[in-house]
């Protein structure tokens, strides 16, 4: 039997990535596609005004905005990141995300082995 490393998504089917998570009023919705020692892949949908407060990770985190716009803080710098744009948040540096409007993101975190 083959063990799939990717979950919560149909295989061998063309899918619009942003359709895999829906907005929900007053909350953040997430859908994990893969989780392991080396990496994690997660989709998020943030309602306007929702946030993930400042924290740091022991892996480099790449965020790709699928819809909307977010204010992303990396260290002491703030960035406005919108649909079609990406930013990398380096390991060990505090970062935070704020939904200035509803937004969806694709998050890939790569951990050192």
C-alpha atoms as a PDB file:
ATOM      1  CA  UNK A   1       0.000   0.000   0.000  1.00  0.00           C
ATOM      2  CA  UNK A   2       1.287   3.450  -0.936  1.00  0.00           C
ATOM      3  CA  UNK A   3       1.434   6.034   1.863  1.00  0.00           C
ATOM      4  CA  UNK A   4       0.499   9.495   0.607  1.00  0.00           C
ATOM      5  CA  UNK A   5       2.486  12.392   2.039  1.00  0.00           C
ATOM      6  CA  UNK A   6      -0.077  14.970   0.929  1.00  0.00           C
ATOM      7  CA  UNK A   7      -3.544  14.899   2.505  1.00  0.00           C
ATOM      8  CA  UNK A   8      -6.854  16.767   2.490  1.00  0.00           C
ATOM      9  CA  UNK A   9      -6.779  17.325  -1.282  1.00  0.00           C
ATOM     10  CA  UNK A  10      -7.923  15.276  -4.274  1.00  0.00           C
ATOM     11  CA  UNK A  11      -5.232  13.523  -6.275  1.00  0.00           C
ATOM     12  CA  UNK A  12      -5.035  13.529 -10.100  1.00  0.00           C
ATOM     13  CA  UNK A  13      -7.506  16.407 -10.358  1.00  0.00           C
ATOM     14  CA  UNK A  14      -7.036  20.046 -11.384  1.00  0.00           C
ATOM     15  CA  UNK A  15      -8.023  22.270  -8.467  1.00  0.00           C
ATOM     16  CA  UNK A  16      -8.099  26.015  -7.911  1.00  0.00           C
ATOM     17  CA  UNK A  17      -5.971  26.325  -4.752  1.00  0.00           C
ATOM     18  CA  UNK A  18      -7.931  29.173  -3.173  1.00  0.00           C
ATOM     19  CA  UNK A  19     -11.164  27.125  -3.351  1.00  0.00           C
ATOM     20  CA  UNK A  20      -9.785  24.682  -0.760  1.00  0.00           C
ATOM     21  CA  UNK A  21     -10.418  27.064   2.165  1.00  0.00           C
ATOM     22  CA  UNK A  22     -13.478  29.242   2.708  1.00  0.00           C
ATOM     23  CA  UNK A  23     -13.811  32.473   4.632  1.00  0.00           C
ATOM     24  CA  UNK A  24     -15.686  32.297   7.920  1.00  0.00           C
ATOM     25  CA  UNK A  25     -16.799  35.399   9.780  1.00  0.00           C
ATOM     26  CA  UNK A  26     -14.604  36.334  12.746  1.00  0.00           C
ATOM     27  CA  UNK A  27     -12.067  33.541  12.426  1.00  0.00           C
ATOM     28  CA  UNK A  28      -9.062  32.004  10.707  1.00  0.00           C
ATOM     29  CA  UNK A  29      -9.611  28.735   8.844  1.00  0.00           C
ATOM     30  CA  UNK A  30      -6.712  26.397   8.045  1.00  0.00           C
ATOM     31  CA  UNK A  31      -6.308  23.238   5.984  1.00  0.00           C
ATOM     32  CA  UNK A  32      -3.107  21.224   6.391  1.00  0.00           C
ATOM     33  CA  UNK A  33      -1.933  19.550   3.192  1.00  0.00           C
ATOM     34  CA  UNK A  34       1.291  18.069   4.567  1.00  0.00           C
ATOM     35  CA  UNK A  35       3.048  17.966   7.930  1.00  0.00           C
ATOM     36  CA  UNK A  36       6.402  16.370   8.638  1.00  0.00           C
ATOM     37  CA  UNK A  37       9.841  16.825  10.206  1.00  0.00           C
ATOM     38  CA  UNK A  38      11.230  18.564   7.106  1.00  0.00           C
ATOM     39  CA  UNK A  39       8.270  20.704   6.032  1.00  0.00           C
ATOM     40  CA  UNK A  40       4.657  21.724   6.462  1.00  0.00           C
ATOM     41  CA  UNK A  41       2.187  22.949   3.845  1.00  0.00           C
ATOM     42  CA  UNK A  42      -1.000  24.702   4.941  1.00  0.00           C
ATOM     43  CA  UNK A  43      -3.743  26.837   3.406  1.00  0.00           C
ATOM     44  CA  UNK A  44      -5.361  29.631   5.440  1.00  0.00           C
ATOM     45  CA  UNK A  45      -8.392  31.919   5.063  1.00  0.00           C
ATOM     46  CA  UNK A  46      -8.483  34.995   7.339  1.00  0.00           C
ATOM     47  CA  UNK A  47     -11.543  37.146   7.892  1.00  0.00           C
ATOM     48  CA  UNK A  48     -10.883  40.904   7.879  1.00  0.00           C
ATOM     49  CA  UNK A  49      -9.245  42.010  11.127  1.00  0.00           C
ATOM     50  CA  UNK A  50      -8.087  38.537  12.143  1.00  0.00           C
ATOM     51  CA  UNK A  51      -4.414  37.992  12.869  1.00  0.00           C
ATOM     52  CA  UNK A  52      -1.647  35.680  13.946  1.00  0.00           C
ATOM     53  CA  UNK A  53       0.315  37.517  16.627  1.00  0.00           C
ATOM     54  CA  UNK A  54       4.081  37.847  16.635  1.00  0.00           C
ATOM     55  CA  UNK A  55       5.952  34.561  16.968  1.00  0.00           C
ATOM     56  CA  UNK A  56       9.018  32.891  15.513  1.00  0.00           C
ATOM     57  CA  UNK A  57       9.562  29.522  13.878  1.00  0.00           C
ATOM     58  CA  UNK A  58      12.573  27.263  13.588  1.00  0.00           C
ATOM     59  CA  UNK A  59      11.903  26.968   9.853  1.00  0.00           C
ATOM     60  CA  UNK A  60      11.887  29.379   6.914  1.00  0.00           C
ATOM     61  CA  UNK A  61       8.265  30.223   6.037  1.00  0.00           C
ATOM     62  CA  UNK A  62       7.164  31.157   2.518  1.00  0.00           C
ATOM     63  CA  UNK A  63       3.757  32.856   2.229  1.00  0.00           C
ATOM     64  CA  UNK A  64       1.970  33.164  -1.124  1.00  0.00           C
ATOM     65  CA  UNK A  65      -1.184  35.294  -1.095  1.00  0.00           C
ATOM     66  CA  UNK A  66      -3.997  33.599  -3.027  1.00  0.00           C
ATOM     67  CA  UNK A  67      -6.653  36.280  -2.451  1.00  0.00           C
ATOM     68  CA  UNK A  68      -6.977  39.641  -0.701  1.00  0.00           C
ATOM     69  CA  UNK A  69      -4.266  41.513   1.188  1.00  0.00           C
ATOM     70  CA  UNK A  70      -2.321  41.125   4.431  1.00  0.00           C
ATOM     71  CA  UNK A  71       0.011  43.250   6.519  1.00  0.00           C
ATOM     72  CA  UNK A  72       2.927  40.976   7.323  1.00  0.00           C
ATOM     73  CA  UNK A  73       5.513  41.992   9.885  1.00  0.00           C
ATOM     74  CA  UNK A  74       8.979  40.432   9.716  1.00  0.00           C
ATOM     75  CA  UNK A  75      11.252  41.595  12.505  1.00  0.00           C
ATOM     76  CA  UNK A  76      10.666  45.364  12.702  1.00  0.00           C
ATOM     77  CA  UNK A  77       9.493  45.782   9.075  1.00  0.00           C
ATOM     78  CA  UNK A  78       5.885  45.831   7.868  1.00  0.00           C
ATOM     79  CA  UNK A  79       4.946  44.716   4.348  1.00  0.00           C
ATOM     80  CA  UNK A  80       1.648  44.955   2.483  1.00  0.00           C
ATOM     81  CA  UNK A  81       1.371  41.692   0.551  1.00  0.00           C
ATOM     82  CA  UNK A  82      -1.494  41.153  -1.898  1.00  0.00           C
ATOM     83  CA  UNK A  83      -2.893  38.509  -4.230  1.00  0.00           C
ATOM     84  CA  UNK A  84      -0.178  37.034  -6.433  1.00  0.00           C
ATOM     85  CA  UNK A  85       2.683  38.168  -4.195  1.00  0.00           C
ATOM     86  CA  UNK A  86       4.937  36.210  -1.847  1.00  0.00           C
ATOM     87  CA  UNK A  87       7.247  36.887   1.069  1.00  0.00           C
ATOM     88  CA  UNK A  88       9.691  34.700   2.997  1.00  0.00           C
ATOM     89  CA  UNK A  89       9.833  34.968   6.770  1.00  0.00           C
ATOM     90  CA  UNK A  90      13.251  33.666   7.908  1.00  0.00           C
ATOM     91  CA  UNK A  91      13.645  31.140  10.711  1.00  0.00           C
ATOM     92  CA  UNK A  92      14.253  32.640  14.134  1.00  0.00           C
ATOM     93  CA  UNK A  93      12.903  36.108  13.222  1.00  0.00           C
ATOM     94  CA  UNK A  94       9.596  37.139  14.857  1.00  0.00           C
ATOM     95  CA  UNK A  95       6.769  37.608  12.362  1.00  0.00           C
ATOM     96  CA  UNK A  96       3.030  38.362  12.434  1.00  0.00           C
ATOM     97  CA  UNK A  97       0.117  38.548   9.984  1.00  0.00           C
ATOM     98  CA  UNK A  98      -2.908  40.880   9.995  1.00  0.00           C
ATOM     99  CA  UNK A  99      -5.846  40.693   7.581  1.00  0.00           C
ATOM    100  CA  UNK A 100      -6.332  44.299   6.414  1.00  0.00           C
ATOM    101  CA  UNK A 101      -9.041  42.729   4.285  1.00  0.00           C
ATOM    102  CA  UNK A 102     -10.111  39.110   3.894  1.00  0.00           C
ATOM    103  CA  UNK A 103      -7.201  37.102   2.551  1.00  0.00           C
ATOM    104  CA  UNK A 104      -6.152  33.551   1.755  1.00  0.00           C
ATOM    105  CA  UNK A 105      -2.592  32.286   1.842  1.00  0.00           C
ATOM    106  CA  UNK A 106      -0.561  29.221   0.969  1.00  0.00           C
ATOM    107  CA  UNK A 107       2.124  28.633   3.612  1.00  0.00           C
ATOM    108  CA  UNK A 108       5.170  26.411   3.140  1.00  0.00           C
ATOM    109  CA  UNK A 109       7.589  26.023   6.067  1.00  0.00           C
ATOM    110  CA  UNK A 110      10.928  24.278   5.545  1.00  0.00           C
ATOM    111  CA  UNK A 111      12.756  23.018   8.636  1.00  0.00           C
ATOM    112  CA  UNK A 112      16.436  22.120   8.952  1.00  0.00           C
ATOM    113  CA  UNK A 113      17.162  18.462   9.533  1.00  0.00           C
END
